[in-house]
Amino acid sequence: MLPRRVIPSISKPDASKEKSAKKKPTLDEFVDKHDWSGALGLLSFESNTKQAAGDYSDSESIIMWMAYCAFHLGDYKNSCTVSSPWTESRAD
């Protein structure tokens, strides 16, 4: 006689909902973890979506954070390229 197969029970259906409802990471979380590539990706996304929407309110801070993250990644050329429009406008 064969033993009966035990049917696994789903004990926590809420746990799967919690995993699927992850929150969007913030810039502070990336910076605290020294995850410069993640921060740069987040900033690029925010910059592109705000430009598409026509919202330029935080563009200076986004540009400077992008330059900061690129610098810490060792991409010095990109850091200068990203920050050059901001520094040129400040020189006037």
Foldseek 3Di string as FASTA:
>chain_A
DDDDDDDDDDDDPVVVVVVVPDDDDDLVVCVVVVVLVVNLVVLVVVVVVCVVVVHCPCVLVSLQSNLVSCVSVVNNVVSCVSCVVVVVVVVD
